Amino acid sequence: MTQILFGQSYYLRFDPKLFRAMQPYPPLGTMYAASYIREKGYDVAIFDAMLAESENEWAKSLDKHKPKYAIIFEDNFNYLSKMCLLRMREAAFTMVQMAKERGCVVILCGADVTDHYEMYLEQGADYCLLGEGEETLSELLTQLEAIQEAELESILGLAYKSNSQIIKNPKRPDIKNLDALPFPAWDLIDVEKYKKIWKEKHGYFSMNMVTTRGCPYHCNWCAKPIWGQRYNSRSAENVAAEMKWLKENFAPDHIWFADDILGLKPNWVEKFADLLHEMDAVIPFKCLKRADLINEKTASALAKAGCKTVWLGAESGSQKILDAMDKGGTVEEIYQAAELLHKNNIEVGFFLQFGYPSETWDDVQLTLKMVRECMPDDIGISVSYPLPGTKFYERVKLELGEKQNWTDSEDLAMLYQGPFPTEFYRILHGRVHYEFRLRRLLKKFSLKGFITVPLNLVGLLKNTLQLRKYVNEVSI
């Protein structure tokens, strides 16, 4: 019998687009919570939904461990958890019911739980942890185990029911000293299963890490239900030590840093690069950065640290749209960042976002122009997604219909009255990827790719005509 069973409700199997891509990473947020609570003296286990077939495997794990506490602690470093996909919410509801049927005390934590704790309490959850959950969970377990006297009202960051009334306690301050946290509980994860998948599908093995919690910038479409506007960072020494530990114990070929921004503090990247070399801990990695944080010194330090790929939140090639988003950066900085990274032999990925209010066909064309001229090595495309707690959500909430979340990451539905209808953006998504792949192919193979050009150009022309049809209809 295990005292506590941790789980999360993101099932890769339920997300067709990412299931096809098959680049799975275990739930870091859940693993951090498990290691934190284990350090407090509790016996813990993890159910990893990422590679599970369905919620039935959660039921089997409950039957195997027979936990007193079933804790669905979402991976708050997974951006898809922040998006609150409907299929995963349904999975969480099912998991709550399964745990309650077995007599468990059910505790939940995550972005969707923080935004909609009433919904989860109505589904049978006993307690919801609002925002960052480790310290709140520790206090709650102490009280429930009667190790010391405490009242639920005194536990910051907690929501629960009392006499059929929902109580929401004040917010808990964030954990500032991240170096004090134990490393994630990798020993509770089937690492070999992940390694086998990565090696078979991609020829290398990638693991995930985080160096920070939160983001201090003000992009008005970006939800921050867990850490708000705050930003806390691990020291370069602490991160380098974990990287060395992973290298010695699991020998990954690659690391994904899941931070919103890697190395925001001045000279952090430079110090990190030096430490990795001193400790023989260099592992190729990919990370996210803001374009306005890339200069010659930073780009050089990233290359020295072993950075293979930097993803930039480019969003749009239109300055008008970047300003409307409160991005706090310029299109020129995107061009400069891409050039500097390429100069240092670092691949560049662009996150692009279409459909923001006031975006016109001309703005779309500016984004396509930016992609053509910067020639990123990869792109990720989405449409603007209104999340609770954002200025963008408040701006469009009166336009939202019954459906306010995507079912899965391939949905691409416009949830509000955007500049163009959903079908326009689905065609645009395919068209931009189509052209991007063609240009990459021609760049790689030059005339060798000529045989493929006629068919691809026909597809591009067809897509363009379909898009212009929508543009003309909206303009009338």
Protein backbone atom coordinates (compact mmCIF):
# COMPACT_ATOMS: atom_id res chain seq x y z
CA MET A 1 0.00 0.00 0.00
CA THR A 2 1.32 3.41 -1.04
CA GLN A 3 0.32 6.41 1.04
CA ILE A 4 0.10 8.85 -1.89
CA LEU A 5 -0.42 8.26 -5.60
CA PHE A 6 0.38 11.20 -7.85
CA GLY A 7 -0.97 11.43 -11.38
CA GLN A 8 -1.77 13.88 -14.15
CA SER A 9 -4.43 13.94 -16.86
CA TYR A 10 -2.47 14.72 -20.04
CA TYR A 11 -2.68 11.54 -22.14
CA LEU A 12 -0.65 11.70 -25.34
CA ARG A 13 -3.00 9.08 -26.79
CA PHE A 14 -5.88 11.58 -26.57
CA ASP A 15 -4.04 14.26 -28.59
CA PRO A 16 -3.86 12.96 -32.21
CA LYS A 17 -1.48 15.61 -33.53
CA LEU A 18 1.14 15.12 -30.84
CA PHE A 19 0.58 11.38 -30.72
CA ARG A 20 1.62 11.26 -34.39
CA ALA A 21 4.68 13.42 -33.63
CA MET A 22 5.54 11.06 -30.75
CA GLN A 23 8.00 13.23 -28.84
CA PRO A 24 6.88 12.40 -25.30
CA TYR A 25 8.22 13.95 -22.12
CA PRO A 26 7.21 12.85 -18.60
CA PRO A 27 5.29 15.31 -16.37
CA LEU A 28 7.96 17.44 -14.67
CA GLY A 29 5.49 19.35 -12.50
CA THR A 30 4.10 16.10 -11.12
CA MET A 31 7.62 14.75 -10.58
CA TYR A 32 8.65 17.89 -8.67
CA ALA A 33 5.59 17.60 -6.41
CA ALA A 34 6.28 13.92 -5.76
CA SER A 35 9.93 14.52 -4.84
CA TYR A 36 8.99 17.49 -2.63
CA ILE A 37 6.36 15.53 -0.70
CA ARG A 38 8.56 12.43 -0.48
CA GLU A 39 11.22 14.59 1.14
CA LYS A 40 8.64 15.39 3.83
CA GLY A 41 8.56 11.71 4.75
CA TYR A 42 5.59 10.39 2.76
CA ASP A 43 5.53 7.17 0.74
CA VAL A 44 4.72 8.20 -2.84
CA ALA A 45 4.22 6.72 -6.30
CA ILE A 46 3.51 8.27 -9.72
CA PHE A 47 0.98 7.28 -12.36
CA ASP A 48 2.32 8.70 -15.63
CA ALA A 49 -0.60 9.33 -18.00
CA MET A 50 1.65 10.56 -20.82
CA LEU A 51 2.18 7.08 -22.29
CA ALA A 52 -0.93 5.43 -20.86
CA GLU A 53 -3.65 4.10 -23.15
CA SER A 54 -6.59 5.48 -21.16
CA GLU A 55 -7.93 6.34 -17.71
CA ASN A 56 -8.34 2.60 -17.11
CA GLU A 57 -4.62 2.46 -16.39
CA TRP A 58 -5.15 5.01 -13.62
CA ALA A 59 -7.77 2.68 -12.15
CA LYS A 60 -5.27 -0.20 -12.27
CA SER A 61 -2.66 1.97 -10.57
CA LEU A 62 -5.16 2.88 -7.84
CA ASP A 63 -5.92 -0.80 -7.30
CA LYS A 64 -2.23 -1.67 -7.20
CA HIS A 65 -1.11 1.05 -4.77
CA LYS A 66 -4.35 1.45 -2.76
CA PRO A 67 -3.42 5.02 -1.80
CA LYS A 68 -5.03 7.04 0.96
CA TYR A 69 -4.52 10.19 -1.13
CA ALA A 70 -4.98 10.39 -4.91
CA ILE A 71 -3.37 13.61 -6.11
CA ILE A 72 -3.88 14.73 -9.71
CA PHE A 73 -1.07 17.26 -9.94
CA GLU A 74 -0.84 18.58 -13.49
CA ASP A 75 2.46 19.35 -15.17
CA ASN A 76 2.31 23.13 -15.07
CA PHE A 77 5.39 23.31 -17.30
CA ASN A 78 3.41 21.72 -20.15
CA TYR A 79 1.83 24.54 -22.17
CA LEU A 80 -0.97 22.18 -23.23
CA SER A 81 -2.02 21.88 -19.58
CA LYS A 82 -2.29 25.66 -19.47
CA MET A 83 -4.54 25.54 -22.56
CA CYS A 84 -6.92 23.21 -20.72
CA LEU A 85 -7.81 20.88 -23.60
CA LEU A 86 -11.34 19.52 -23.17
CA ARG A 87 -10.34 15.89 -23.66
CA MET A 88 -7.84 16.16 -20.82
CA ARG A 89 -10.36 17.89 -18.55
CA GLU A 90 -12.76 15.01 -19.19
CA ALA A 91 -9.96 12.60 -18.30
CA ALA A 92 -9.36 14.44 -15.03
CA PHE A 93 -13.07 14.20 -14.16
CA THR A 94 -13.00 10.46 -14.83
CA MET A 95 -9.87 10.05 -12.73
CA VAL A 96 -11.50 11.93 -9.84
CA GLN A 97 -14.51 9.64 -9.94
CA MET A 98 -12.37 6.50 -10.10
CA ALA A 99 -10.40 7.62 -7.05
CA LYS A 100 -13.52 8.54 -5.09
CA GLU A 101 -15.06 5.15 -5.85
CA ARG A 102 -12.04 3.59 -4.12
CA GLY A 103 -12.35 5.76 -1.04
CA CYS A 104 -9.39 8.05 -1.70
CA VAL A 105 -9.05 11.62 -0.55
CA VAL A 106 -8.77 13.42 -3.90
CA ILE A 107 -6.59 16.50 -4.30
CA LEU A 108 -6.08 18.43 -7.55
CA CYS A 109 -3.62 21.06 -8.77
CA GLY A 110 -3.13 22.71 -12.17
CA ALA A 111 -3.91 25.66 -14.41
CA ASP A 112 -7.46 24.56 -15.23
CA VAL A 113 -8.06 23.66 -11.58
CA THR A 114 -6.92 27.13 -10.53
CA ASP A 115 -9.22 28.78 -13.07
CA HIS A 116 -12.20 26.47 -12.51
CA TYR A 117 -11.84 24.99 -9.03
CA GLU A 118 -15.62 25.10 -8.50
CA MET A 119 -16.08 22.74 -11.43
CA TYR A 120 -13.60 20.21 -10.03
CA LEU A 121 -15.06 20.36 -6.53
CA GLU A 122 -18.50 19.70 -8.00
CA GLN A 123 -17.03 16.66 -9.79
CA GLY A 124 -16.04 15.19 -6.44
CA ALA A 125 -12.56 16.53 -5.70
CA ASP A 126 -12.04 17.08 -1.98
CA TYR A 127 -9.44 19.84 -2.27
CA CYS A 128 -8.04 22.07 -5.01
CA LEU A 129 -4.60 23.63 -4.79
CA LEU A 130 -4.63 27.08 -6.39
CA GLY A 131 -1.48 28.27 -8.12
CA GLU A 132 1.86 26.73 -7.23
CA GLY A 133 0.99 23.62 -5.24
CA GLU A 134 3.92 22.04 -3.38
CA GLU A 135 3.82 24.06 -0.15
CA THR A 136 0.03 24.13 -0.05
CA LEU A 137 -0.06 20.36 -0.49
CA SER A 138 2.46 19.83 2.28
CA GLU A 139 0.44 21.95 4.72
CA LEU A 140 -2.79 20.23 3.73
CA LEU A 141 -1.36 16.74 4.21
CA THR A 142 0.05 17.75 7.59
CA GLN A 143 -3.41 18.88 8.66
CA LEU A 144 -5.18 15.84 7.25
CA GLU A 145 -2.69 13.51 8.92
CA ALA A 146 -3.24 15.40 12.19
CA ILE A 147 0.50 15.72 12.69
CA GLN A 148 -0.15 19.17 14.10
CA GLU A 149 -3.19 21.28 14.75
CA ALA A 150 -4.26 23.44 11.83
CA GLU A 151 -7.43 24.82 10.31
CA LEU A 152 -8.24 24.64 6.60
CA GLU A 153 -8.95 28.36 6.68
CA SER A 154 -5.29 29.00 7.48
CA ILE A 155 -3.92 27.15 4.45
CA LEU A 156 -3.11 29.66 1.72
CA GLY A 157 -3.84 28.64 -1.86
CA LEU A 158 -6.57 26.12 -0.99
CA ALA A 159 -10.17 25.71 -2.19
CA TYR A 160 -12.58 23.20 -0.68
CA LYS A 161 -16.19 22.63 0.34
CA SER A 162 -17.53 23.32 3.82
CA ASN A 163 -21.20 22.61 4.55
CA SER A 164 -21.90 22.56 0.81
CA GLN A 165 -20.32 26.01 0.43
CA ILE A 166 -17.18 26.47 -1.66
CA ILE A 167 -14.40 28.21 0.23
CA LYS A 168 -11.46 29.85 -1.52
CA ASN A 169 -8.55 30.86 0.69
CA PRO A 170 -6.16 33.73 -0.18
CA LYS A 171 -3.35 33.12 -2.68
CA ARG A 172 -0.06 31.67 -1.48
CA PRO A 173 3.23 33.47 -2.27
CA ASP A 174 5.43 31.70 -4.80
CA ILE A 175 8.46 29.62 -3.87
CA LYS A 176 11.39 31.96 -4.40
CA ASN A 177 14.36 29.73 -3.56
CA LEU A 178 14.05 27.15 -6.32
CA ASP A 179 17.49 25.74 -5.54
CA ALA A 180 16.03 24.37 -2.28
CA LEU A 181 13.67 22.08 -4.21
CA PRO A 182 14.79 18.49 -4.74
CA PHE A 183 15.33 17.34 -8.31
CA PRO A 184 12.28 15.74 -10.01
CA ALA A 185 11.50 12.13 -9.02
CA TRP A 186 12.95 10.48 -12.11
CA ASP A 187 13.21 7.19 -10.23
CA LEU A 188 9.39 6.97 -10.23
CA ILE A 189 9.25 7.24 -14.06
CA ASP A 190 9.81 4.45 -16.58
CA VAL A 191 12.72 6.26 -18.25
CA GLU A 192 13.65 3.26 -20.39
CA LYS A 193 10.20 3.30 -21.99
CA TYR A 194 10.68 6.93 -23.03
CA LYS A 195 14.20 6.23 -24.24
CA LYS A 196 13.04 3.31 -26.39
CA ILE A 197 10.34 5.45 -28.05
CA TRP A 198 12.70 8.35 -28.76
CA LYS A 199 15.41 6.09 -30.16
CA GLU A 200 12.99 4.18 -32.40
CA LYS A 201 11.10 7.24 -33.68
CA HIS A 202 13.83 9.87 -33.86
CA GLY A 203 17.20 8.20 -33.43
CA TYR A 204 18.09 10.06 -30.23
CA PHE A 205 16.89 10.33 -26.62
CA SER A 206 15.60 13.63 -25.24
CA MET A 207 14.78 14.47 -21.61
CA ASN A 208 13.17 17.57 -20.11
CA MET A 209 14.26 20.12 -17.51
CA VAL A 210 13.17 23.52 -16.21
CA THR A 211 15.34 26.31 -14.84
CA THR A 212 12.64 28.83 -13.91
CA ARG A 213 9.05 29.31 -12.85
CA GLY A 214 6.96 32.08 -14.37
CA CYS A 215 7.45 34.95 -16.81
CA PRO A 216 7.61 38.70 -16.08
CA TYR A 217 6.45 39.90 -19.50
CA HIS A 218 2.98 41.18 -20.34
CA CYS A 219 1.81 39.48 -23.54
CA ASN A 220 -1.91 40.00 -23.13
CA TRP A 221 -2.96 36.60 -24.52
CA CYS A 222 -0.67 34.60 -22.23
CA ALA A 223 -2.36 33.14 -19.14
CA LYS A 224 -0.42 32.98 -15.89
CA PRO A 225 -2.74 31.13 -13.48
CA ILE A 226 0.09 29.47 -11.57
CA TRP A 227 2.84 32.06 -11.13
CA GLY A 228 1.15 35.27 -12.23
CA GLN A 229 3.50 37.97 -13.43
CA ARG A 230 6.36 36.77 -11.26
CA TYR A 231 9.59 35.07 -12.33
CA ASN A 232 11.89 32.98 -10.15
CA SER A 233 15.06 31.29 -11.36
CA ARG A 234 17.32 28.48 -10.27
CA SER A 235 21.00 29.31 -10.09
CA ALA A 236 23.24 28.33 -12.97
CA GLU A 237 25.14 26.10 -10.51
CA ASN A 238 22.00 24.19 -9.52
CA VAL A 239 20.90 23.63 -13.13
CA ALA A 240 24.36 22.54 -14.22
CA ALA A 241 24.48 20.06 -11.32
CA GLU A 242 21.18 18.52 -12.41
CA MET A 243 22.37 18.33 -16.00
CA LYS A 244 25.50 16.50 -14.89
CA TRP A 245 23.35 14.13 -12.79
CA LEU A 246 21.10 13.36 -15.78
CA LYS A 247 24.13 12.80 -18.01
CA GLU A 248 25.70 10.38 -15.53
CA ASN A 249 22.51 8.47 -14.75
CA PHE A 250 20.56 8.42 -18.03
CA ALA A 251 22.96 9.62 -20.76
CA PRO A 252 20.38 11.62 -22.78
CA ASP A 253 21.40 12.83 -26.23
CA HIS A 254 19.34 15.99 -25.90
CA ILE A 255 17.57 18.21 -23.34
CA TRP A 256 14.39 20.24 -23.75
CA PHE A 257 14.25 23.21 -21.40
CA ALA A 258 10.52 23.75 -20.90
CA ASP A 259 10.88 27.26 -19.44
CA ASP A 260 8.90 30.18 -20.85
CA ILE A 261 12.28 31.95 -21.03
CA LEU A 262 15.71 30.42 -20.43
CA GLY A 263 18.35 32.64 -18.86
CA LEU A 264 16.55 35.94 -18.33
CA LYS A 265 18.88 37.10 -15.56
CA PRO A 266 21.95 39.07 -16.74
CA ASN A 267 24.97 36.83 -17.47
CA TRP A 268 23.07 33.65 -16.46
CA VAL A 269 23.61 31.94 -19.82
CA GLU A 270 27.28 32.89 -19.90
CA LYS A 271 27.85 31.46 -16.40
CA PHE A 272 25.84 28.36 -17.24
CA ALA A 273 27.97 27.70 -20.33
CA ASP A 274 31.21 28.00 -18.33
CA LEU A 275 29.93 25.66 -15.60
CA LEU A 276 28.81 23.00 -18.07
CA HIS A 277 32.30 22.86 -19.55
CA GLU A 278 33.99 22.82 -16.14
CA MET A 279 31.75 19.93 -15.00
CA ASP A 280 31.78 18.00 -18.30
CA ALA A 281 28.00 18.32 -18.32
CA VAL A 282 27.34 19.66 -21.84
CA ILE A 283 24.28 18.09 -23.50
CA PRO A 284 22.75 19.50 -26.72
CA PHE A 285 19.48 21.27 -25.90
CA LYS A 286 16.58 23.35 -27.18
CA CYS A 287 14.99 26.23 -25.32
CA LEU A 288 12.65 29.22 -25.62
CA LYS A 289 13.88 32.82 -25.72
CA ARG A 290 12.53 36.25 -26.50
CA ALA A 291 13.95 37.84 -29.62
CA ASP A 292 14.81 41.04 -27.77
CA LEU A 293 17.01 39.07 -25.36
CA ILE A 294 19.26 37.73 -28.12
CA ASN A 295 22.46 39.67 -28.67
CA GLU A 296 25.89 38.61 -29.90
CA LYS A 297 27.10 37.77 -26.38
CA THR A 298 24.04 35.69 -25.54
CA ALA A 299 23.98 33.86 -28.87
CA SER A 300 27.66 32.97 -28.47
CA ALA A 301 27.10 31.75 -24.89
CA LEU A 302 24.14 29.61 -25.95
CA ALA A 303 26.29 27.98 -28.61
CA LYS A 304 29.05 27.34 -26.07
CA ALA A 305 26.53 25.76 -23.67
CA GLY A 306 25.52 23.29 -26.38
CA CYS A 307 22.30 24.90 -27.55
CA LYS A 308 21.06 23.25 -30.72
CA THR A 309 17.73 25.05 -31.19
CA VAL A 310 16.13 28.27 -29.92
CA TRP A 311 12.40 28.75 -30.31
CA LEU A 312 11.31 32.38 -30.52
CA GLY A 313 7.82 33.63 -29.77
CA ALA A 314 7.80 35.57 -33.03
CA GLU A 315 3.96 35.50 -33.25
CA SER A 316 3.60 38.00 -36.13
CA GLY A 317 5.58 39.86 -38.76
CA SER A 318 3.30 42.87 -38.30
CA GLN A 319 4.41 45.47 -35.78
CA LYS A 320 0.80 46.55 -35.44
CA ILE A 321 -0.17 43.10 -34.18
CA LEU A 322 2.85 42.77 -31.86
CA ASP A 323 1.93 46.10 -30.29
CA ALA A 324 -1.72 45.04 -29.94
CA MET A 325 -0.50 41.90 -28.14
CA ASP A 326 1.67 43.97 -25.75
CA LYS A 327 4.64 41.87 -26.81
CA GLY A 328 7.12 44.59 -25.94
CA GLY A 329 9.35 43.77 -28.89
CA THR A 330 9.80 44.61 -32.55
CA VAL A 331 9.75 42.75 -35.84
CA GLU A 332 13.28 44.03 -36.46
CA GLU A 333 14.46 42.26 -33.29
CA ILE A 334 13.03 38.98 -34.61
CA TYR A 335 15.05 39.36 -37.82
CA GLN A 336 18.19 40.23 -35.85
CA ALA A 337 17.77 37.35 -33.40
CA ALA A 338 17.33 34.81 -36.21
CA GLU A 339 20.42 36.13 -37.95
CA LEU A 340 22.57 36.03 -34.79
CA LEU A 341 21.46 32.52 -33.86
CA HIS A 342 22.09 31.19 -37.35
CA LYS A 343 25.47 32.90 -37.33
CA ASN A 344 26.31 30.83 -34.22
CA ASN A 345 25.08 27.61 -35.88
CA ILE A 346 21.96 27.45 -33.71
CA GLU A 347 18.71 26.34 -35.32
CA VAL A 348 15.78 28.76 -35.06
CA GLY A 349 12.13 27.93 -34.50
CA PHE A 350 9.31 30.46 -34.86
CA PHE A 351 6.05 30.26 -32.94
CA LEU A 352 3.45 32.02 -35.11
CA GLN A 353 -0.01 33.15 -34.09
CA PHE A 354 -2.76 34.09 -36.51
CA GLY A 355 -6.24 35.46 -35.90
CA TYR A 356 -5.54 38.12 -33.31
CA PRO A 357 -8.25 40.84 -33.35
CA SER A 358 -7.62 43.51 -36.00
CA GLU A 359 -5.28 41.26 -38.00
CA THR A 360 -5.83 41.79 -41.72
CA TRP A 361 -4.78 39.90 -44.82
CA ASP A 362 -1.91 42.39 -45.18
CA ASP A 363 -0.74 41.53 -41.65
CA VAL A 364 -0.82 37.84 -42.55
CA GLN A 365 1.33 38.61 -45.58
CA LEU A 366 3.87 40.42 -43.38
CA THR A 367 4.16 37.28 -41.24
CA LEU A 368 4.70 35.14 -44.33
CA LYS A 369 7.31 37.64 -45.53
CA MET A 370 9.13 37.34 -42.18
CA VAL A 371 9.18 33.54 -42.44
CA ARG A 372 10.49 33.65 -46.01
CA GLU A 373 13.24 36.15 -45.24
CA CYS A 374 14.38 34.79 -41.86
CA MET A 375 14.26 31.17 -43.05
CA PRO A 376 13.71 29.55 -39.63
CA ASP A 377 14.51 25.87 -39.33
CA ASP A 378 11.06 25.04 -37.95
CA ILE A 379 7.73 26.72 -37.31
CA GLY A 380 4.77 26.14 -35.00
CA ILE A 381 1.44 27.70 -35.94
CA SER A 382 -1.61 28.41 -33.82
CA VAL A 383 -4.57 30.75 -33.77
CA SER A 384 -5.16 33.19 -30.93
CA TYR A 385 -6.60 31.33 -27.96
CA PRO A 386 -8.52 33.23 -25.24
CA LEU A 387 -7.54 31.96 -21.79
CA PRO A 388 -9.24 33.07 -18.57
CA GLY A 389 -7.36 35.72 -16.64
CA THR A 390 -5.88 37.44 -19.68
CA LYS A 391 -6.67 40.88 -21.09
CA PHE A 392 -7.29 39.19 -24.42
CA TYR A 393 -9.95 36.95 -22.83
CA GLU A 394 -11.68 39.95 -21.27
CA ARG A 395 -11.66 41.67 -24.65
CA VAL A 396 -13.41 38.82 -26.49
CA LYS A 397 -15.37 36.99 -23.78
CA LEU A 398 -18.71 38.38 -24.96
CA GLU A 399 -18.03 36.73 -28.34
CA LEU A 400 -17.33 33.30 -26.85
CA GLY A 401 -19.86 30.60 -27.52
CA GLU A 402 -20.57 27.38 -25.68
CA LYS A 403 -17.21 25.95 -26.74
CA GLN A 404 -14.44 27.79 -24.90
CA ASN A 405 -11.61 25.26 -25.15
CA TRP A 406 -10.09 23.13 -27.86
CA THR A 407 -10.76 19.40 -27.66
CA ASP A 408 -7.13 18.65 -28.57
CA SER A 409 -4.14 20.56 -29.92
CA GLU A 410 -5.16 19.92 -33.53
CA ASP A 411 -8.54 21.61 -33.09
CA LEU A 412 -7.58 25.13 -34.31
CA ALA A 413 -11.16 26.35 -33.83
CA MET A 414 -11.69 30.10 -33.53
CA LEU A 415 -13.39 30.39 -30.14
CA TYR A 416 -14.42 34.00 -30.72
CA GLN A 417 -15.36 36.18 -33.69
CA GLY A 418 -11.94 36.49 -35.32
CA PRO A 419 -11.04 38.43 -38.45
CA PHE A 420 -11.80 35.33 -40.56
CA PRO A 421 -13.71 32.08 -39.93
CA THR A 422 -12.16 28.89 -38.55
CA GLU A 423 -11.86 27.27 -41.98
CA PHE A 424 -9.69 30.16 -43.19
CA TYR A 425 -7.15 29.51 -40.44
CA ARG A 426 -7.16 25.77 -40.98
CA ILE A 427 -6.37 26.32 -44.67
CA LEU A 428 -3.80 28.97 -43.76
CA HIS A 429 -2.16 26.56 -41.30
CA GLY A 430 -1.71 23.97 -44.04
CA ARG A 431 -0.66 26.52 -46.65
CA VAL A 432 2.08 28.08 -44.51
CA HIS A 433 3.47 24.68 -43.53
CA TYR A 434 3.26 23.60 -47.17
CA GLU A 435 5.27 26.54 -48.45
CA PHE A 436 7.71 26.33 -45.54
CA ARG A 437 8.51 22.69 -46.25
CA LEU A 438 8.87 23.37 -49.97
CA ARG A 439 11.31 26.23 -49.40
CA ARG A 440 13.31 24.10 -46.96
CA LEU A 441 13.41 21.30 -49.50
CA LEU A 442 14.61 23.56 -52.31
CA LYS A 443 17.23 25.08 -50.06
CA LYS A 444 18.50 21.64 -49.08
CA PHE A 445 18.47 19.89 -52.43
CA SER A 446 18.50 22.80 -54.89
CA LEU A 447 17.60 21.46 -58.34
CA LYS A 448 17.25 17.90 -57.00
CA GLY A 449 13.92 18.94 -55.56
CA PHE A 450 12.62 20.23 -58.90
CA ILE A 451 10.52 17.11 -59.57
CA THR A 452 8.37 17.85 -56.52
CA VAL A 453 7.82 21.51 -57.36
CA PRO A 454 4.91 21.32 -59.85
CA LEU A 455 2.63 19.30 -57.55
CA ASN A 456 3.46 21.44 -54.55
CA LEU A 457 2.89 24.66 -56.45
CA VAL A 458 -0.54 23.42 -57.51
CA GLY A 459 -1.37 22.83 -53.84
CA LEU A 460 -0.07 26.25 -52.85
CA LEU A 461 -2.05 27.97 -55.61
CA LYS A 462 -5.21 26.14 -54.59
CA ASN A 463 -4.76 27.12 -50.93
CA THR A 464 -4.03 30.72 -51.84
CA LEU A 465 -7.18 30.99 -53.97
CA GLN A 466 -9.25 29.52 -51.11
CA LEU A 467 -7.79 32.04 -48.67
CA ARG A 468 -8.41 34.96 -51.01
CA LYS A 469 -12.01 33.84 -51.36
CA TYR A 470 -12.45 34.33 -47.61
CA VAL A 471 -10.61 37.65 -47.73
CA ASN A 472 -12.92 38.92 -50.47
CA GLU A 473 -16.03 37.75 -48.61
CA VAL A 474 -14.97 39.50 -45.41
CA SER A 475 -14.11 42.65 -47.32
CA ILE A 476 -17.52 42.93 -48.95
